Amino acid sequence: MMLWLLLLQVWASCLWLGHSEVVNSFASCPQFFYSNSPPDAAMKPQNPAWICQTFKNQPFYATLYDKDRRIPMYSAYKYEPGRFITNHTWTVEPQLIHSNLPKNMQTVQTLERQYNISKAQIMQNQAVNTDYEHSGWDHGYLNPNGHHNTLDSRNATYTLTNIVPMNEKLNRKTWRNYEQQTMTNKSKDCQTTYVIVGAVPGNSSISNGRVNVPSHIWSGACCKTKNNTVSAWAAIAENNQDQVWDLTLGELENSLAQLYEMQNISLFHSSCPRTKPSHPGCKRLRGFSHISQYHRML
């Protein structure tokens, strides 16, 4: 009997140690997706990690991460913009190293000093800040800190699992314009806006092949309006140009299906409108005047 109890205790402790915020689905953090519905599996990379991005024991958004290319495929979050500046230290995801490590994002220095983890172990499945240094590419946030209104939620975006190499002009000009102005205008009638921002893997890399440089950056949003209707919109940009195209959600999904060479891609719950523009009369962003012209570029 004592042996059985001992074995039971060991088994229970193993279950507890195996608890991880990097798992095989977003079951631990579905609240960051409209109607608790993540995208379908069409964009899943060969070596994926589903991350409930956790800071100070609280999840703030969800990321599907590509451990081979060392970039996020997308990050999903609630759009709650604020107006103040933060400057947090870059962090990494401990559970991409080992599931027994803390679920809270940590700095490289903390993992090295407090947990005796080597730099090589940290770098195996994810990017680190030195990958971006002198690369000529910006730290491109998928989930930008300006879309959050608390210190903790903003600091939680400063993790390399939320970052892709982004063209400097795109990141600092037209994509920032989309993040700061277009999102504000299009979400003004929303109760809660759910956003998914992603990156299409490209054919080049930085840091001696360690970190993929995406060919495209994209964003989709869906919300229930104050009038209890459902609104959706989207955008996409090529990562070597300073242009952003304003799309419907259906146009974005069709574009991504072409880029990923898939038959269909679904980013949001079926109740989010695909074809009807969310704001009739809203002008397209700088770039081609019609989506068919953009498709000819793919």
C-alpha atoms as a PDB file:
ATOM      1  CA  MET A   1       0.000   0.000   0.000  1.00  0.00           C
ATOM      2  CA  MET A   2       2.816   2.404   0.887  1.00  0.00           C
ATOM      3  CA  LEU A   3       4.529   1.606  -2.414  1.00  0.00           C
ATOM      4  CA  TRP A   4       1.318   2.357  -4.306  1.00  0.00           C
ATOM      5  CA  LEU A   5       0.942   5.720  -2.534  1.00  0.00           C
ATOM      6  CA  LEU A   6       4.558   6.576  -3.310  1.00  0.00           C
ATOM      7  CA  LEU A   7       4.065   5.747  -6.992  1.00  0.00           C
ATOM      8  CA  LEU A   8       0.892   7.810  -7.035  1.00  0.00           C
ATOM      9  CA  GLN A   9       2.753  10.794  -5.573  1.00  0.00           C
ATOM     10  CA  VAL A  10       5.506  10.474  -8.178  1.00  0.00           C
ATOM     11  CA  TRP A  11       2.939  10.247 -10.993  1.00  0.00           C
ATOM     12  CA  ALA A  12       1.080  13.321  -9.699  1.00  0.00           C
ATOM     13  CA  SER A  13       4.300  15.317  -9.410  1.00  0.00           C
ATOM     14  CA  CYS A  14       5.194  14.417 -12.995  1.00  0.00           C
ATOM     15  CA  LEU A  15       1.831  15.667 -14.169  1.00  0.00           C
ATOM     16  CA  TRP A  16       2.380  18.934 -12.330  1.00  0.00           C
ATOM     17  CA  LEU A  17       5.882  19.374 -13.737  1.00  0.00           C
ATOM     18  CA  GLY A  18       4.591  18.678 -17.225  1.00  0.00           C
ATOM     19  CA  HIS A  19       2.026  21.467 -17.002  1.00  0.00           C
ATOM     20  CA  SER A  20       2.909  23.924 -19.739  1.00  0.00           C
ATOM     21  CA  GLU A  21       1.659  27.044 -21.431  1.00  0.00           C
ATOM     22  CA  VAL A  22       3.404  25.787 -24.577  1.00  0.00           C
ATOM     23  CA  VAL A  23       1.069  22.958 -25.510  1.00  0.00           C
ATOM     24  CA  ASN A  24      -0.629  21.517 -28.592  1.00  0.00           C
ATOM     25  CA  SER A  25      -3.623  23.861 -28.776  1.00  0.00           C
ATOM     26  CA  PHE A  26      -4.943  27.167 -27.464  1.00  0.00           C
ATOM     27  CA  ALA A  27      -7.282  25.441 -25.016  1.00  0.00           C
ATOM     28  CA  SER A  28      -5.629  27.316 -22.130  1.00  0.00           C
ATOM     29  CA  CYS A  29      -6.220  30.760 -23.661  1.00  0.00           C
ATOM     30  CA  PRO A  30      -9.160  30.742 -26.113  1.00  0.00           C
ATOM     31  CA  GLN A  31     -10.313  34.161 -24.855  1.00  0.00           C
ATOM     32  CA  PHE A  32      -8.021  35.960 -27.297  1.00  0.00           C
ATOM     33  CA  PHE A  33      -9.969  34.697 -30.317  1.00  0.00           C
ATOM     34  CA  TYR A  34     -13.373  35.927 -31.485  1.00  0.00           C
ATOM     35  CA  SER A  35     -16.012  33.508 -30.193  1.00  0.00           C
ATOM     36  CA  ASN A  36     -13.149  31.412 -28.718  1.00  0.00           C
ATOM     37  CA  SER A  37     -12.329  30.159 -32.243  1.00  0.00           C
ATOM     38  CA  PRO A  38      -8.647  30.089 -33.331  1.00  0.00           C
ATOM     39  CA  PRO A  39      -7.705  29.874 -37.029  1.00  0.00           C
ATOM     40  CA  ASP A  40      -7.843  26.482 -38.692  1.00  0.00           C
ATOM     41  CA  ALA A  41      -4.718  24.372 -39.006  1.00  0.00           C
ATOM     42  CA  ALA A  42      -3.854  25.386 -42.587  1.00  0.00           C
ATOM     43  CA  MET A  43      -0.992  27.689 -41.512  1.00  0.00           C
ATOM     44  CA  LYS A  44       0.464  25.307 -38.926  1.00  0.00           C
ATOM     45  CA  PRO A  45       4.243  24.932 -39.442  1.00  0.00           C
ATOM     46  CA  GLN A  46       6.054  21.610 -39.326  1.00  0.00           C
ATOM     47  CA  ASN A  47       7.473  22.269 -35.856  1.00  0.00           C
ATOM     48  CA  PRO A  48       4.848  24.393 -34.073  1.00  0.00           C
ATOM     49  CA  ALA A  49       4.419  25.699 -30.552  1.00  0.00           C
ATOM     50  CA  TRP A  50       1.116  27.057 -29.248  1.00  0.00           C
ATOM     51  CA  ILE A  51       2.017  29.735 -26.697  1.00  0.00           C
ATOM     52  CA  CYS A  52      -0.278  31.411 -24.188  1.00  0.00           C
ATOM     53  CA  GLN A  53       1.983  34.439 -23.739  1.00  0.00           C
ATOM     54  CA  THR A  54       2.271  34.753 -19.953  1.00  0.00           C
ATOM     55  CA  PHE A  55       3.721  37.605 -17.911  1.00  0.00           C
ATOM     56  CA  LYS A  56       3.485  37.817 -14.106  1.00  0.00           C
ATOM     57  CA  ASN A  57       1.372  34.640 -14.128  1.00  0.00           C
ATOM     58  CA  GLN A  58      -1.256  36.162 -16.429  1.00  0.00           C
ATOM     59  CA  PRO A  59      -1.770  35.310 -20.122  1.00  0.00           C
ATOM     60  CA  PHE A  60      -2.075  38.405 -22.320  1.00  0.00           C
ATOM     61  CA  TYR A  61      -2.297  36.981 -25.857  1.00  0.00           C
ATOM     62  CA  ALA A  62      -1.766  33.822 -27.897  1.00  0.00           C
ATOM     63  CA  THR A  63       0.974  33.018 -30.429  1.00  0.00           C
ATOM     64  CA  LEU A  64       1.491  30.184 -32.890  1.00  0.00           C
ATOM     65  CA  TYR A  65       5.266  29.880 -33.149  1.00  0.00           C
ATOM     66  CA  ASP A  66       7.466  28.197 -35.757  1.00  0.00           C
ATOM     67  CA  LYS A  67      10.404  26.652 -33.896  1.00  0.00           C
ATOM     68  CA  ASP A  68      12.303  25.803 -37.098  1.00  0.00           C
ATOM     69  CA  ARG A  69      12.107  29.276 -38.665  1.00  0.00           C
ATOM     70  CA  ARG A  70      12.187  30.947 -35.225  1.00  0.00           C
ATOM     71  CA  ILE A  71       9.391  33.396 -35.972  1.00  0.00           C
ATOM     72  CA  PRO A  72       5.737  33.591 -34.905  1.00  0.00           C
ATOM     73  CA  MET A  73       3.195  32.583 -37.531  1.00  0.00           C
ATOM     74  CA  TYR A  74       0.634  34.826 -35.855  1.00  0.00           C
ATOM     75  CA  SER A  75      -0.290  36.475 -32.565  1.00  0.00           C
ATOM     76  CA  ALA A  76      -3.910  36.913 -31.442  1.00  0.00           C
ATOM     77  CA  TYR A  77      -5.072  39.516 -28.926  1.00  0.00           C
ATOM     78  CA  LYS A  78      -7.803  41.905 -27.849  1.00  0.00           C
ATOM     79  CA  TYR A  79      -7.363  45.436 -29.165  1.00  0.00           C
ATOM     80  CA  GLU A  80      -7.331  47.780 -26.153  1.00  0.00           C
ATOM     81  CA  PRO A  81      -5.117  50.734 -27.130  1.00  0.00           C
ATOM     82  CA  GLY A  82      -3.557  53.116 -24.626  1.00  0.00           C
ATOM     83  CA  ARG A  83      -1.473  56.287 -24.750  1.00  0.00           C
ATOM     84  CA  PHE A  84       1.743  55.901 -22.778  1.00  0.00           C
ATOM     85  CA  ILE A  85       5.283  54.737 -23.489  1.00  0.00           C
ATOM     86  CA  THR A  86       7.025  51.648 -22.132  1.00  0.00           C
ATOM     87  CA  ASN A  87      10.552  50.372 -22.629  1.00  0.00           C
ATOM     88  CA  HIS A  88      10.764  46.802 -21.398  1.00  0.00           C
ATOM     89  CA  THR A  89      13.679  44.370 -21.656  1.00  0.00           C
ATOM     90  CA  TRP A  90      13.481  41.701 -24.371  1.00  0.00           C
ATOM     91  CA  THR A  91      12.393  38.292 -23.110  1.00  0.00           C
ATOM     92  CA  VAL A  92      12.177  34.726 -24.425  1.00  0.00           C
ATOM     93  CA  GLU A  93       9.874  31.753 -23.822  1.00  0.00           C
ATOM     94  CA  PRO A  94      11.326  29.336 -21.193  1.00  0.00           C
ATOM     95  CA  GLN A  95       9.018  26.478 -22.105  1.00  0.00           C
ATOM     96  CA  LEU A  96      10.419  26.339 -25.632  1.00  0.00           C
ATOM     97  CA  ILE A  97      13.567  25.126 -23.848  1.00  0.00           C
ATOM     98  CA  HIS A  98      11.928  22.684 -21.428  1.00  0.00           C
ATOM     99  CA  SER A  99       8.353  22.265 -20.196  1.00  0.00           C
ATOM    100  CA  ASN A 100       9.520  22.186 -16.556  1.00  0.00           C
ATOM    101  CA  LEU A 101      10.722  25.782 -16.727  1.00  0.00           C
ATOM    102  CA  PRO A 102       8.453  28.672 -15.644  1.00  0.00           C
ATOM    103  CA  LYS A 103       5.553  29.636 -17.893  1.00  0.00           C
ATOM    104  CA  ASN A 104       6.347  33.329 -17.429  1.00  0.00           C
ATOM    105  CA  MET A 105       8.504  34.886 -20.135  1.00  0.00           C
ATOM    106  CA  GLN A 106      12.052  35.541 -18.896  1.00  0.00           C
ATOM    107  CA  THR A 107      15.169  37.390 -19.987  1.00  0.00           C
ATOM    108  CA  VAL A 108      18.101  35.418 -21.353  1.00  0.00           C
ATOM    109  CA  GLN A 109      20.203  36.603 -18.407  1.00  0.00           C
ATOM    110  CA  THR A 110      17.655  35.314 -15.863  1.00  0.00           C
ATOM    111  CA  LEU A 111      17.538  31.885 -17.490  1.00  0.00           C
ATOM    112  CA  GLU A 112      21.331  31.687 -17.575  1.00  0.00           C
ATOM    113  CA  ARG A 113      21.903  32.834 -13.995  1.00  0.00           C
ATOM    114  CA  GLN A 114      18.929  31.497 -12.045  1.00  0.00           C
ATOM    115  CA  TYR A 115      18.168  28.307 -13.962  1.00  0.00           C
ATOM    116  CA  ASN A 116      21.647  27.407 -15.261  1.00  0.00           C
ATOM    117  CA  ILE A 117      20.404  27.319 -18.865  1.00  0.00           C
ATOM    118  CA  SER A 118      23.029  27.850 -21.564  1.00  0.00           C
ATOM    119  CA  LYS A 119      22.673  30.377 -24.378  1.00  0.00           C
ATOM    120  CA  ALA A 120      22.826  27.490 -26.859  1.00  0.00           C
ATOM    121  CA  GLN A 121      19.850  25.801 -25.196  1.00  0.00           C
ATOM    122  CA  ILE A 122      17.839  29.021 -25.318  1.00  0.00           C
ATOM    123  CA  MET A 123      18.657  29.586 -28.991  1.00  0.00           C
ATOM    124  CA  GLN A 124      17.772  26.088 -30.151  1.00  0.00           C
ATOM    125  CA  ASN A 125      14.041  26.653 -30.729  1.00  0.00           C
ATOM    126  CA  GLN A 126      13.675  30.427 -30.707  1.00  0.00           C
ATOM    127  CA  ALA A 127      15.257  33.714 -31.669  1.00  0.00           C
ATOM    128  CA  VAL A 128      17.213  35.882 -29.260  1.00  0.00           C
ATOM    129  CA  ASN A 129      17.946  39.593 -29.447  1.00  0.00           C
ATOM    130  CA  THR A 130      21.467  39.090 -30.791  1.00  0.00           C
ATOM    131  CA  ASP A 131      19.916  37.535 -33.920  1.00  0.00           C
ATOM    132  CA  TYR A 132      18.501  40.969 -34.780  1.00  0.00           C
ATOM    133  CA  GLU A 133      21.523  43.093 -33.909  1.00  0.00           C
ATOM    134  CA  HIS A 134      23.214  44.601 -36.994  1.00  0.00           C
ATOM    135  CA  SER A 135      20.834  42.626 -39.237  1.00  0.00           C
ATOM    136  CA  GLY A 136      19.403  45.681 -40.994  1.00  0.00           C
ATOM    137  CA  TRP A 137      15.868  44.583 -40.048  1.00  0.00           C
ATOM    138  CA  ASP A 138      13.555  46.022 -37.405  1.00  0.00           C
ATOM    139  CA  HIS A 139      12.041  44.120 -34.502  1.00  0.00           C
ATOM    140  CA  GLY A 140       8.588  43.809 -36.082  1.00  0.00           C
ATOM    141  CA  TYR A 141       5.892  43.334 -33.436  1.00  0.00           C
ATOM    142  CA  LEU A 142       2.957  41.205 -34.534  1.00  0.00           C
ATOM    143  CA  ASN A 143       1.090  42.214 -31.381  1.00  0.00           C
ATOM    144  CA  PRO A 144       2.186  45.850 -30.873  1.00  0.00           C
ATOM    145  CA  ASN A 145       2.487  47.278 -27.364  1.00  0.00           C
ATOM    146  CA  GLY A 146       0.477  50.341 -28.453  1.00  0.00           C
ATOM    147  CA  HIS A 147      -2.620  48.145 -28.743  1.00  0.00           C
ATOM    148  CA  HIS A 148      -2.692  47.639 -24.963  1.00  0.00           C
ATOM    149  CA  ASN A 149      -3.631  49.924 -22.089  1.00  0.00           C
ATOM    150  CA  THR A 150      -1.815  48.570 -19.021  1.00  0.00           C
ATOM    151  CA  LEU A 151       1.866  48.398 -18.128  1.00  0.00           C
ATOM    152  CA  ASP A 152       1.851  44.602 -17.807  1.00  0.00           C
ATOM    153  CA  SER A 153      -0.037  43.980 -21.056  1.00  0.00           C
ATOM    154  CA  ARG A 154       2.383  46.254 -22.906  1.00  0.00           C
ATOM    155  CA  ASN A 155       5.468  44.682 -21.339  1.00  0.00           C
ATOM    156  CA  ALA A 156       4.170  41.245 -22.333  1.00  0.00           C
ATOM    157  CA  THR A 157       4.633  42.159 -26.017  1.00  0.00           C
ATOM    158  CA  TYR A 158       8.418  42.544 -25.567  1.00  0.00           C
ATOM    159  CA  THR A 159       9.149  38.887 -26.219  1.00  0.00           C
ATOM    160  CA  LEU A 160      11.062  37.503 -29.192  1.00  0.00           C
ATOM    161  CA  THR A 161       8.271  34.964 -29.795  1.00  0.00           C
ATOM    162  CA  ASN A 162       6.107  37.957 -30.838  1.00  0.00           C
ATOM    163  CA  ILE A 163       8.740  39.444 -33.188  1.00  0.00           C
ATOM    164  CA  VAL A 164       9.657  39.008 -36.868  1.00  0.00           C
ATOM    165  CA  PRO A 165      12.312  40.757 -38.985  1.00  0.00           C
ATOM    166  CA  MET A 166      10.433  43.647 -40.632  1.00  0.00           C
ATOM    167  CA  ASN A 167      11.436  46.125 -43.299  1.00  0.00           C
ATOM    168  CA  GLU A 168      12.385  49.378 -41.586  1.00  0.00           C
ATOM    169  CA  LYS A 169      10.295  51.682 -43.786  1.00  0.00           C
ATOM    170  CA  LEU A 170       7.240  49.441 -43.604  1.00  0.00           C
ATOM    171  CA  ASN A 171       7.521  49.024 -39.844  1.00  0.00           C
ATOM    172  CA  ARG A 172       8.024  52.716 -39.097  1.00  0.00           C
ATOM    173  CA  LYS A 173       5.684  54.248 -41.688  1.00  0.00           C
ATOM    174  CA  THR A 174       2.709  52.595 -43.403  1.00  0.00           C
ATOM    175  CA  TRP A 175       2.358  49.576 -41.098  1.00  0.00           C
ATOM    176  CA  ARG A 176       2.547  51.877 -38.082  1.00  0.00           C
ATOM    177  CA  ASN A 177      -0.081  54.057 -39.749  1.00  0.00           C
ATOM    178  CA  TYR A 178      -2.312  51.004 -40.054  1.00  0.00           C
ATOM    179  CA  GLU A 179      -1.726  50.063 -36.407  1.00  0.00           C
ATOM    180  CA  GLN A 180      -2.283  53.546 -35.024  1.00  0.00           C
ATOM    181  CA  GLN A 181      -4.814  55.228 -37.320  1.00  0.00           C
ATOM    182  CA  THR A 182      -6.661  52.665 -39.417  1.00  0.00           C
ATOM    183  CA  MET A 183      -7.288  50.335 -36.492  1.00  0.00           C
ATOM    184  CA  THR A 184      -8.605  53.236 -34.421  1.00  0.00           C
ATOM    185  CA  ASN A 185     -10.987  54.350 -37.161  1.00  0.00           C
ATOM    186  CA  LYS A 186     -12.296  50.904 -38.005  1.00  0.00           C
ATOM    187  CA  SER A 187     -12.832  49.782 -34.410  1.00  0.00           C
ATOM    188  CA  LYS A 188     -14.599  52.918 -33.162  1.00  0.00           C
ATOM    189  CA  ASP A 189     -18.025  51.206 -33.181  1.00  0.00           C
ATOM    190  CA  CYS A 190     -16.777  47.947 -31.656  1.00  0.00           C
ATOM    191  CA  GLN A 191     -17.464  46.588 -28.186  1.00  0.00           C
ATOM    192  CA  THR A 192     -14.392  44.322 -28.163  1.00  0.00           C
ATOM    193  CA  THR A 193     -12.079  43.970 -31.144  1.00  0.00           C
ATOM    194  CA  TYR A 194     -10.260  40.680 -31.699  1.00  0.00           C
ATOM    195  CA  VAL A 195      -7.110  40.873 -33.813  1.00  0.00           C
ATOM    196  CA  ILE A 196      -4.832  38.309 -35.436  1.00  0.00           C
ATOM    197  CA  VAL A 197      -1.568  39.573 -36.950  1.00  0.00           C
ATOM    198  CA  GLY A 198       0.640  37.179 -38.854  1.00  0.00           C
ATOM    199  CA  ALA A 199       3.703  36.686 -41.028  1.00  0.00           C
ATOM    200  CA  VAL A 200       4.102  34.585 -44.171  1.00  0.00           C
ATOM    201  CA  PRO A 201       7.518  32.852 -44.135  1.00  0.00           C
ATOM    202  CA  GLY A 202       9.874  34.050 -46.869  1.00  0.00           C
ATOM    203  CA  ASN A 203      12.901  32.694 -48.715  1.00  0.00           C
ATOM    204  CA  SER A 204      15.622  34.601 -46.864  1.00  0.00           C
ATOM    205  CA  SER A 205      16.902  34.791 -43.317  1.00  0.00           C
ATOM    206  CA  ILE A 206      19.106  36.662 -40.865  1.00  0.00           C
ATOM    207  CA  SER A 207      21.700  35.503 -38.326  1.00  0.00           C
ATOM    208  CA  ASN A 208      23.310  32.854 -40.554  1.00  0.00           C
ATOM    209  CA  GLY A 209      20.014  31.247 -41.459  1.00  0.00           C
ATOM    210  CA  ARG A 210      18.623  31.114 -37.942  1.00  0.00           C
ATOM    211  CA  VAL A 211      15.655  33.503 -38.292  1.00  0.00           C
ATOM    212  CA  ASN A 212      13.357  33.596 -41.300  1.00  0.00           C
ATOM    213  CA  VAL A 213      12.505  36.940 -42.930  1.00  0.00           C
ATOM    214  CA  PRO A 214       8.764  36.943 -43.774  1.00  0.00           C
ATOM    215  CA  SER A 215       7.650  37.773 -47.290  1.00  0.00           C
ATOM    216  CA  HIS A 216       4.386  39.349 -46.079  1.00  0.00           C
ATOM    217  CA  ILE A 217       2.884  40.822 -42.913  1.00  0.00           C
ATOM    218  CA  TRP A 218      -0.894  40.666 -42.491  1.00  0.00           C
ATOM    219  CA  SER A 219      -3.625  41.596 -40.033  1.00  0.00           C
ATOM    220  CA  GLY A 220      -7.264  40.622 -39.586  1.00  0.00           C
ATOM    221  CA  ALA A 221      -9.843  41.886 -37.093  1.00  0.00           C
ATOM    222  CA  CYS A 222     -13.385  41.005 -36.099  1.00  0.00           C
ATOM    223  CA  CYS A 223     -15.745  42.536 -33.558  1.00  0.00           C
ATOM    224  CA  LYS A 224     -19.318  42.804 -32.424  1.00  0.00           C
ATOM    225  CA  THR A 225     -20.412  46.408 -32.805  1.00  0.00           C
ATOM    226  CA  LYS A 226     -22.391  48.506 -30.352  1.00  0.00           C
ATOM    227  CA  ASN A 227     -25.428  47.819 -32.550  1.00  0.00           C
ATOM    228  CA  ASN A 228     -24.859  44.044 -32.137  1.00  0.00           C
ATOM    229  CA  THR A 229     -23.795  43.572 -35.752  1.00  0.00           C
ATOM    230  CA  VAL A 230     -20.500  41.877 -36.630  1.00  0.00           C
ATOM    231  CA  SER A 231     -17.760  43.809 -38.405  1.00  0.00           C
ATOM    232  CA  ALA A 232     -14.462  42.588 -39.925  1.00  0.00           C
ATOM    233  CA  TRP A 233     -11.540  44.051 -41.860  1.00  0.00           C
ATOM    234  CA  ALA A 234      -7.976  43.166 -42.853  1.00  0.00           C
ATOM    235  CA  ALA A 235      -4.718  44.325 -44.390  1.00  0.00           C
ATOM    236  CA  ILE A 236      -1.580  42.852 -45.946  1.00  0.00           C
ATOM    237  CA  ALA A 237       1.857  44.190 -46.874  1.00  0.00           C
ATOM    238  CA  GLU A 238       4.885  42.870 -48.712  1.00  0.00           C
ATOM    239  CA  ASN A 239       7.864  42.971 -46.379  1.00  0.00           C
ATOM    240  CA  ASN A 240      10.185  44.573 -48.928  1.00  0.00           C
ATOM    241  CA  GLN A 241       7.970  47.606 -49.646  1.00  0.00           C
ATOM    242  CA  ASP A 242       6.425  50.528 -47.803  1.00  0.00           C
ATOM    243  CA  GLN A 243       2.845  49.810 -48.908  1.00  0.00           C
ATOM    244  CA  VAL A 244      -0.178  48.373 -47.114  1.00  0.00           C
ATOM    245  CA  TRP A 245      -3.340  47.085 -48.801  1.00  0.00           C
ATOM    246  CA  ASP A 246      -6.691  47.445 -47.077  1.00  0.00           C
ATOM    247  CA  LEU A 247      -8.771  44.278 -47.607  1.00  0.00           C
ATOM    248  CA  THR A 248     -11.941  42.579 -46.528  1.00  0.00           C
ATOM    249  CA  LEU A 249     -11.451  39.509 -44.336  1.00  0.00           C
ATOM    250  CA  GLY A 250     -12.393  37.245 -47.236  1.00  0.00           C
ATOM    251  CA  GLU A 251      -9.823  38.891 -49.503  1.00  0.00           C
ATOM    252  CA  LEU A 252      -7.116  38.370 -46.887  1.00  0.00           C
ATOM    253  CA  GLU A 253      -8.014  34.706 -46.444  1.00  0.00           C
ATOM    254  CA  ASN A 254      -7.955  34.205 -50.236  1.00  0.00           C
ATOM    255  CA  SER A 255      -4.566  35.941 -50.452  1.00  0.00           C
ATOM    256  CA  LEU A 256      -3.131  33.775 -47.673  1.00  0.00           C
ATOM    257  CA  ALA A 257      -4.504  30.630 -49.323  1.00  0.00           C
ATOM    258  CA  GLN A 258      -2.542  31.560 -52.453  1.00  0.00           C
ATOM    259  CA  LEU A 259       0.611  32.411 -50.519  1.00  0.00           C
ATOM    260  CA  TYR A 260       0.477  29.173 -48.512  1.00  0.00           C
ATOM    261  CA  GLU A 261      -0.701  27.195 -51.538  1.00  0.00           C
ATOM    262  CA  MET A 262      -3.734  25.983 -49.629  1.00  0.00           C
ATOM    263  CA  GLN A 263      -7.278  25.487 -50.867  1.00  0.00           C
ATOM    264  CA  ASN A 264      -8.856  27.444 -48.022  1.00  0.00           C
ATOM    265  CA  ILE A 265      -7.774  29.362 -44.944  1.00  0.00           C
ATOM    266  CA  SER A 266     -10.130  30.495 -42.180  1.00  0.00           C
ATOM    267  CA  LEU A 267      -8.858  32.999 -39.631  1.00  0.00           C
ATOM    268  CA  PHE A 268     -12.013  33.778 -37.634  1.00  0.00           C
ATOM    269  CA  HIS A 269     -15.320  32.300 -36.591  1.00  0.00           C
ATOM    270  CA  SER A 270     -17.790  31.897 -39.448  1.00  0.00           C
ATOM    271  CA  SER A 271     -19.985  34.733 -38.103  1.00  0.00           C
ATOM    272  CA  CYS A 272     -17.303  37.300 -39.073  1.00  0.00           C
ATOM    273  CA  PRO A 273     -18.238  38.766 -42.491  1.00  0.00           C
ATOM    274  CA  ARG A 274     -15.894  37.840 -45.336  1.00  0.00           C
ATOM    275  CA  THR A 275     -17.166  39.810 -48.305  1.00  0.00           C
ATOM    276  CA  LYS A 276     -19.067  42.819 -47.058  1.00  0.00           C
ATOM    277  CA  PRO A 277     -16.793  45.797 -46.317  1.00  0.00           C
ATOM    278  CA  SER A 278     -17.015  46.678 -42.659  1.00  0.00           C
ATOM    279  CA  HIS A 279     -17.077  50.427 -43.329  1.00  0.00           C
ATOM    280  CA  PRO A 280     -18.560  51.396 -46.727  1.00  0.00           C
ATOM    281  CA  GLY A 281     -16.869  54.503 -48.010  1.00  0.00           C
ATOM    282  CA  CYS A 282     -13.606  53.822 -46.178  1.00  0.00           C
ATOM    283  CA  LYS A 283     -10.769  54.426 -48.633  1.00  0.00           C
ATOM    284  CA  ARG A 284      -8.082  51.856 -49.267  1.00  0.00           C
ATOM    285  CA  LEU A 285      -4.611  52.513 -47.951  1.00  0.00           C
ATOM    286  CA  ARG A 286      -1.791  53.560 -50.219  1.00  0.00           C
ATOM    287  CA  GLY A 287      -1.039  50.920 -52.817  1.00  0.00           C
ATOM    288  CA  PHE A 288      -3.074  49.298 -55.555  1.00  0.00           C
ATOM    289  CA  SER A 289      -6.624  50.519 -55.882  1.00  0.00           C
ATOM    290  CA  HIS A 290      -8.177  47.083 -56.273  1.00  0.00           C
ATOM    291  CA  ILE A 291      -7.428  43.687 -54.782  1.00  0.00           C
ATOM    292  CA  SER A 292      -7.219  41.995 -58.181  1.00  0.00           C
ATOM    293  CA  GLN A 293      -4.163  44.153 -58.907  1.00  0.00           C
ATOM    294  CA  TYR A 294      -2.607  42.963 -55.655  1.00  0.00           C
ATOM    295  CA  HIS A 295      -3.307  39.306 -56.491  1.00  0.00           C
ATOM    296  CA  ARG A 296      -1.396  39.674 -59.747  1.00  0.00           C
ATOM    297  CA  MET A 297       1.651  40.461 -57.614  1.00  0.00           C
ATOM    298  CA  LEU A 298       1.476  37.156 -55.715  1.00  0.00           C
END
